C-alpha atoms as a PDB file:
ATOM      1  CA  MET A   1      39.298 -74.693  69.910  1.00  0.00           C
ATOM      2  CA  GLN A   2      42.696 -75.288  71.463  1.00  0.00           C
ATOM      3  CA  ILE A   3      42.721 -77.085  74.806  1.00  0.00           C
ATOM      4  CA  PRO A   4      45.882 -77.281  76.920  1.00  0.00           C
ATOM      5  CA  VAL A   5      46.337 -80.740  78.427  1.00  0.00           C
ATOM      6  CA  ARG A   6      48.488 -81.753  81.378  1.00  0.00           C
ATOM      7  CA  LEU A   7      49.332 -85.412  81.932  1.00  0.00           C
ATOM      8  CA  SER A   8      50.503 -87.116  85.111  1.00  0.00           C
ATOM      9  CA  ALA A   9      54.039 -88.519  85.082  1.00  0.00           C
ATOM     10  CA  ALA A  10      52.980 -92.058  84.135  1.00  0.00           C
ATOM     11  CA  LEU A  11      50.888 -90.782  81.220  1.00  0.00           C
ATOM     12  CA  ALA A  12      53.641 -88.395  80.144  1.00  0.00           C
ATOM     13  CA  GLN A  13      56.012 -91.346  79.826  1.00  0.00           C
ATOM     14  CA  ILE A  14      53.725 -92.741  77.133  1.00  0.00           C
ATOM     15  CA  SER A  15      53.152 -89.457  75.284  1.00  0.00           C
ATOM     16  CA  GLY A  16      56.705 -88.217  75.732  1.00  0.00           C
ATOM     17  CA  THR A  17      55.536 -84.896  77.187  1.00  0.00           C
ATOM     18  CA  PRO A  18      53.637 -83.765  80.288  1.00  0.00           C
ATOM     19  CA  ARG A  19      51.977 -80.823  78.494  1.00  0.00           C
ATOM     20  CA  LEU A  20      50.413 -80.571  75.063  1.00  0.00           C
ATOM     21  CA  GLN A  21      47.486 -79.029  73.219  1.00  0.00           C
ATOM     22  CA  VAL A  22      44.671 -80.730  71.376  1.00  0.00           C
ATOM     23  CA  THR A  23      42.207 -79.249  68.935  1.00  0.00           C
ATOM     24  CA  VAL A  24      38.530 -80.011  69.509  1.00  0.00           C
ATOM     25  CA  SER A  25      35.260 -78.539  68.256  1.00  0.00           C
ATOM     26  CA  ASP A  26      33.444 -75.763  70.090  1.00  0.00           C
ATOM     27  CA  GLY A  27      31.237 -77.251  72.790  1.00  0.00           C
ATOM     28  CA  ALA A  28      33.598 -80.202  73.260  1.00  0.00           C
ATOM     29  CA  THR A  29      33.481 -82.395  76.335  1.00  0.00           C
ATOM     30  CA  VAL A  30      36.119 -84.157  78.395  1.00  0.00           C
ATOM     31  CA  ALA A  31      35.288 -87.302  76.389  1.00  0.00           C
ATOM     32  CA  ASP A  32      36.149 -85.413  73.182  1.00  0.00           C
ATOM     33  CA  VAL A  33      39.542 -84.463  74.630  1.00  0.00           C
ATOM     34  CA  ILE A  34      40.154 -88.113  75.547  1.00  0.00           C
ATOM     35  CA  GLU A  35      39.262 -89.114  71.981  1.00  0.00           C
ATOM     36  CA  ALA A  36      41.674 -86.518  70.561  1.00  0.00           C
ATOM     37  CA  LEU A  37      44.461 -87.709  72.876  1.00  0.00           C
ATOM     38  CA  THR A  38      43.989 -91.366  71.981  1.00  0.00           C
ATOM     39  CA  ALA A  39      44.032 -90.466  68.275  1.00  0.00           C
ATOM     40  CA  LEU A  40      47.461 -88.880  68.821  1.00  0.00           C
ATOM     41  CA  TYR A  41      48.731 -91.482  71.305  1.00  0.00           C
ATOM     42  CA  PRO A  42      46.844 -94.796  70.971  1.00  0.00           C
ATOM     43  CA  ASP A  43      48.854 -96.333  73.824  1.00  0.00           C
ATOM     44  CA  LEU A  44      47.194 -93.878  76.235  1.00  0.00           C
ATOM     45  CA  ALA A  45      43.703 -95.305  75.656  1.00  0.00           C
ATOM     46  CA  SER A  46      43.588 -97.893  78.442  1.00  0.00           C
ATOM     47  CA  ARG A  47      45.240 -95.613  80.994  1.00  0.00           C
ATOM     48  CA  LEU A  48      42.975 -92.670  80.221  1.00  0.00           C
ATOM     49  CA  GLN A  49      40.011 -94.936  81.008  1.00  0.00           C
ATOM     50  CA  ARG A  50      41.289 -95.071  84.616  1.00  0.00           C
ATOM     51  CA  ALA A  51      42.501 -91.478  84.843  1.00  0.00           C
ATOM     52  CA  VAL A  52      40.737 -88.802  86.863  1.00  0.00           C
ATOM     53  CA  PRO A  53      39.992 -85.803  84.627  1.00  0.00           C
ATOM     54  CA  MET A  54      40.256 -82.294  86.040  1.00  0.00           C
ATOM     55  CA  VAL A  55      39.047 -79.175  84.224  1.00  0.00           C
ATOM     56  CA  ALA A  56      40.347 -75.841  85.467  1.00  0.00           C
ATOM     57  CA  GLY A  57      41.449 -77.546  88.692  1.00  0.00           C
ATOM     58  CA  ARG A  58      38.110 -79.250  89.440  1.00  0.00           C
ATOM     59  CA  HIS A  59      37.061 -82.880  89.088  1.00  0.00           C
ATOM     60  CA  ALA A  60      35.201 -83.414  85.835  1.00  0.00           C
ATOM     61  CA  ALA A  61      33.006 -86.079  84.273  1.00  0.00           C
ATOM     62  CA  PRO A  62      33.370 -87.258  80.658  1.00  0.00           C
ATOM     63  CA  GLU A  63      30.206 -85.389  79.662  1.00  0.00           C
ATOM     64  CA  ASP A  64      31.358 -82.049  81.127  1.00  0.00           C
ATOM     65  CA  ARG A  65      31.828 -79.307  78.535  1.00  0.00           C
ATOM     66  CA  ILE A  66      35.106 -77.427  78.244  1.00  0.00           C
ATOM     67  CA  ASN A  67      35.520 -73.733  77.536  1.00  0.00           C
ATOM     68  CA  ASP A  68      38.144 -72.544  75.080  1.00  0.00           C
ATOM     69  CA  GLY A  69      41.545 -72.386  76.768  1.00  0.00           C
ATOM     70  CA  GLU A  70      40.566 -74.272  79.945  1.00  0.00           C
ATOM     71  CA  GLU A  71      43.272 -76.723  80.959  1.00  0.00           C
ATOM     72  CA  VAL A  72      42.322 -80.381  81.196  1.00  0.00           C
ATOM     73  CA  ALA A  73      44.534 -82.514  83.423  1.00  0.00           C
ATOM     74  CA  PHE A  74      44.527 -86.287  83.697  1.00  0.00           C
ATOM     75  CA  LEU A  75      45.732 -87.830  86.947  1.00  0.00           C
ATOM     76  CA  LEU A  76      46.107 -91.526  87.643  1.00  0.00           C
ATOM     77  CA  PRO A  77      44.790 -92.676  91.012  1.00  0.00           C
ATOM     78  CA  VAL A  78      47.355 -94.043  93.417  1.00  0.00           C
ATOM     79  CA  ALA A  79      46.506 -97.189  95.348  1.00  0.00           C
ATOM     80  CA  GLY A  80      48.116 -98.477  98.447  1.00  0.00           C
ATOM     81  CA  GLY A  81      47.394 -99.838 101.837  1.00  0.00           C
ATOM     82  CA  ALA A  82      48.707-101.092 105.107  1.00  0.00           C
ATOM     83  CA  ARG A  83      50.149-104.499 105.620  1.00  0.00           C
END
């Protein structure tokens, strides 16, 4: 099945695009999408480990299944603090 993927700006700098599609098997999980992305863009691997996955606008875990056509987004957490 075809899964649309949206990457945060920092991840898009590595892939060269903020939006793409990956092909995964029926019944695929978020982890399968991560595997497909790292096969296409090996330099994303370490950053995707820290990324927050979202499926159809909701937080998702690596074991969560994806329905055909649902968008998977990967957002990097932002850290900061007061001095």
